[in-house]
Amino acid sequence: MVINRAALEAALEGDCPPVERVRYLGLLRRDSQALDEGLKLLPDSDSSDRRELLLVLAQIYQRQYHWHDAAVLHEKALRTVRNPEEEAYVRHHIGRRLFDEARFRSAADEFQWAADLYRVAGQLEAVEENRQAMRRALQVHSGERNGGRPAYELS
């Protein structure tokens, strides 16, 4: 959510790092420009920038309901990880996509996986965030299976 649109626009006019520029363009809903610039950056990006860029681009695809394109980028992001914390970060993003796709059981599994990886990495706050996300996904999944009204709202 953009709170200060003018500040983001100003940042784009200044000396903005390329990955942040793509992120800001996406936040401003200039999706086609963000995707165009981001996809051009991918071949020359180093691994950590590449991972973040892939996740930003996947998020733009998610907002457009292009689930397959987002999933492909998430899988590419997974291939850039070098340690449990980095993998947990990507797994969390995958869980968010799966939740948005209404694949709640699969989302819960990814959030649990992320929580386990964050635990190994000693990131206890991130462990709890992912466990909460997992519980929410399971709650929504359970509500749907039991024929009840979905426990979530689309915005």
Protein backbone atom coordinates (compact mmCIF):
# COMPACT_ATOMS: atom_id res chain seq x y z
CA MET A 1 0.00 0.00 0.00
CA VAL A 2 1.37 3.38 -0.97
CA ILE A 3 1.00 6.07 1.67
CA ASN A 4 3.10 8.78 0.05
CA ARG A 5 2.81 8.52 -3.72
CA ALA A 6 4.78 11.74 -4.27
CA ALA A 7 7.74 10.37 -2.30
CA LEU A 8 7.83 7.22 -4.42
CA GLU A 9 7.60 9.24 -7.62
CA ALA A 10 10.46 11.45 -6.38
CA ALA A 11 12.55 8.40 -5.54
CA LEU A 12 12.07 7.15 -9.10
CA GLU A 13 13.42 10.45 -10.42
CA GLY A 14 16.49 10.31 -8.15
CA ASP A 15 19.34 7.84 -7.85
CA CYS A 16 17.20 4.79 -7.15
CA PRO A 17 18.81 1.32 -7.13
CA PRO A 18 17.41 -0.81 -9.98
CA VAL A 19 15.63 -3.42 -7.85
CA GLU A 20 14.04 -0.72 -5.70
CA ARG A 21 12.98 1.09 -8.87
CA VAL A 22 11.12 -2.02 -10.03
CA ARG A 23 9.56 -2.40 -6.56
CA TYR A 24 8.43 1.25 -6.55
CA LEU A 25 7.00 0.99 -10.06
CA GLY A 26 5.02 -2.03 -8.92
CA LEU A 27 3.79 -0.24 -5.81
CA LEU A 28 2.64 2.61 -8.02
CA ARG A 29 0.74 0.03 -10.14
CA ARG A 30 2.85 0.77 -13.17
CA ASP A 31 3.00 -2.96 -13.69
CA SER A 32 3.90 -3.16 -17.36
CA GLN A 33 6.81 -0.76 -16.85
CA ALA A 34 7.94 -2.63 -13.73
CA LEU A 35 7.80 -5.99 -15.49
CA ASP A 36 9.61 -4.65 -18.56
CA GLU A 37 12.43 -3.08 -16.54
CA GLY A 38 12.66 -5.98 -14.10
CA LEU A 39 12.83 -8.69 -16.74
CA LYS A 40 15.60 -6.76 -18.50
CA LEU A 41 17.59 -6.60 -15.24
CA LEU A 42 17.42 -10.34 -14.50
CA PRO A 43 20.22 -11.62 -16.76
CA ASP A 44 22.84 -9.28 -15.25
CA SER A 45 21.79 -9.39 -11.58
CA ASP A 46 23.84 -11.02 -8.82
CA SER A 47 22.24 -13.77 -6.73
CA SER A 48 20.77 -11.73 -3.83
CA ASP A 49 19.55 -8.94 -6.13
CA ARG A 50 18.27 -11.60 -8.51
CA ARG A 51 16.30 -13.32 -5.76
CA GLU A 52 14.72 -10.08 -4.59
CA LEU A 53 13.97 -9.02 -8.15
CA LEU A 54 12.34 -12.38 -8.89
CA LEU A 55 10.16 -12.02 -5.79
CA VAL A 56 9.14 -8.46 -6.69
CA LEU A 57 8.24 -9.53 -10.22
CA ALA A 58 6.33 -12.55 -8.88
CA GLN A 59 4.34 -10.25 -6.62
CA ILE A 60 3.37 -8.10 -9.60
CA TYR A 61 2.20 -11.21 -11.46
CA GLN A 62 0.26 -12.27 -8.36
CA ARG A 63 -1.66 -9.00 -8.30
CA GLN A 64 -2.60 -9.65 -11.92
CA TYR A 65 -3.74 -13.22 -11.09
CA HIS A 66 -1.01 -14.66 -13.32
CA TRP A 67 -0.38 -17.52 -10.93
CA HIS A 68 1.74 -19.64 -13.26
CA ASP A 69 4.10 -16.76 -14.10
CA ALA A 70 4.47 -15.97 -10.39
CA ALA A 71 5.12 -19.64 -9.58
CA VAL A 72 7.83 -19.89 -12.24
CA LEU A 73 9.61 -16.87 -10.75
CA HIS A 74 9.27 -18.30 -7.23
CA GLU A 75 10.92 -21.52 -8.38
CA LYS A 76 13.75 -19.52 -9.94
CA ALA A 77 14.12 -17.60 -6.67
CA LEU A 78 14.44 -20.90 -4.80
CA ARG A 79 17.42 -21.80 -6.98
CA THR A 80 19.28 -18.70 -5.72
CA VAL A 81 19.17 -19.52 -1.99
CA ARG A 82 22.37 -20.31 -0.13
CA ASN A 83 21.16 -20.84 3.43
CA PRO A 84 18.02 -21.71 5.46
CA GLU A 85 17.11 -18.08 6.14
CA GLU A 86 17.10 -17.20 2.44
CA GLU A 87 15.04 -20.28 1.64
CA ALA A 88 12.58 -19.43 4.41
CA TYR A 89 12.12 -15.95 2.93
CA VAL A 90 11.27 -17.40 -0.49
CA ARG A 91 9.02 -20.09 1.04
CA HIS A 92 7.07 -17.37 2.85
CA HIS A 93 6.49 -15.59 -0.48
CA ILE A 94 5.34 -18.87 -2.03
CA GLY A 95 2.92 -19.35 0.86
CA ARG A 96 1.48 -15.89 0.28
CA ARG A 97 0.92 -16.68 -3.41
CA LEU A 98 -0.74 -19.98 -2.61
CA PHE A 99 -3.00 -18.25 -0.07
CA ASP A 100 -3.96 -15.65 -2.69
CA GLU A 101 -4.74 -18.52 -5.06
CA ALA A 102 -7.08 -19.96 -2.40
CA ARG A 103 -4.82 -23.03 -2.11
CA PHE A 104 -4.92 -22.78 1.66
CA ARG A 105 -3.63 -26.24 2.61
CA SER A 106 -0.61 -25.82 0.35
CA ALA A 107 -0.06 -22.30 1.71
CA ALA A 108 -0.09 -23.67 5.26
CA ASP A 109 2.54 -26.22 4.29
CA GLU A 110 4.82 -23.50 2.86
CA PHE A 111 4.38 -21.31 5.95
CA GLN A 112 5.24 -24.28 8.17
CA TRP A 113 8.31 -24.99 6.05
CA ALA A 114 9.35 -21.34 6.30
CA ALA A 115 8.83 -21.40 10.08
CA ASP A 116 11.02 -24.50 10.41
CA LEU A 117 13.77 -22.93 8.31
CA TYR A 118 13.62 -19.67 10.25
CA ARG A 119 13.86 -21.69 13.50
CA VAL A 120 17.05 -23.32 12.21
CA ALA A 121 18.36 -19.85 11.31
CA GLY A 122 17.51 -18.52 14.79
CA GLN A 123 14.97 -15.98 13.53
CA LEU A 124 12.34 -16.47 16.25
CA GLU A 125 10.14 -13.50 15.31
CA ALA A 126 9.89 -14.78 11.73
CA VAL A 127 9.09 -18.26 13.10
CA GLU A 128 6.06 -16.88 14.92
CA GLU A 129 4.91 -14.79 11.93
CA ASN A 130 4.95 -17.87 9.71
CA ARG A 131 3.23 -20.03 12.30
CA GLN A 132 0.46 -17.43 12.54
CA ALA A 133 0.16 -17.42 8.74
CA MET A 134 0.05 -21.22 8.78
CA ARG A 135 -2.70 -21.26 11.41
CA ARG A 136 -4.73 -18.72 9.42
CA ALA A 137 -4.38 -20.74 6.21
CA LEU A 138 -5.48 -23.90 8.04
CA GLN A 139 -8.41 -22.05 9.59
CA VAL A 140 -9.61 -20.87 6.18
CA HIS A 141 -9.00 -24.32 4.68
CA SER A 142 -10.99 -25.96 7.46
CA GLY A 143 -13.87 -23.50 7.05
CA GLU A 144 -14.10 -24.28 3.35
CA ARG A 145 -13.98 -28.06 3.85
CA ASN A 146 -16.74 -27.95 6.42
CA GLY A 147 -19.08 -26.20 4.02
CA GLY A 148 -19.01 -23.03 6.03
CA ARG A 149 -18.61 -19.57 4.69
CA PRO A 150 -15.01 -18.73 3.82
CA ALA A 151 -13.20 -17.20 6.75
CA TYR A 152 -11.55 -14.60 4.54
CA GLU A 153 -12.53 -11.61 2.47
CA LEU A 154 -11.18 -10.63 -0.90
CA SER A 155 -10.25 -6.99 -1.12
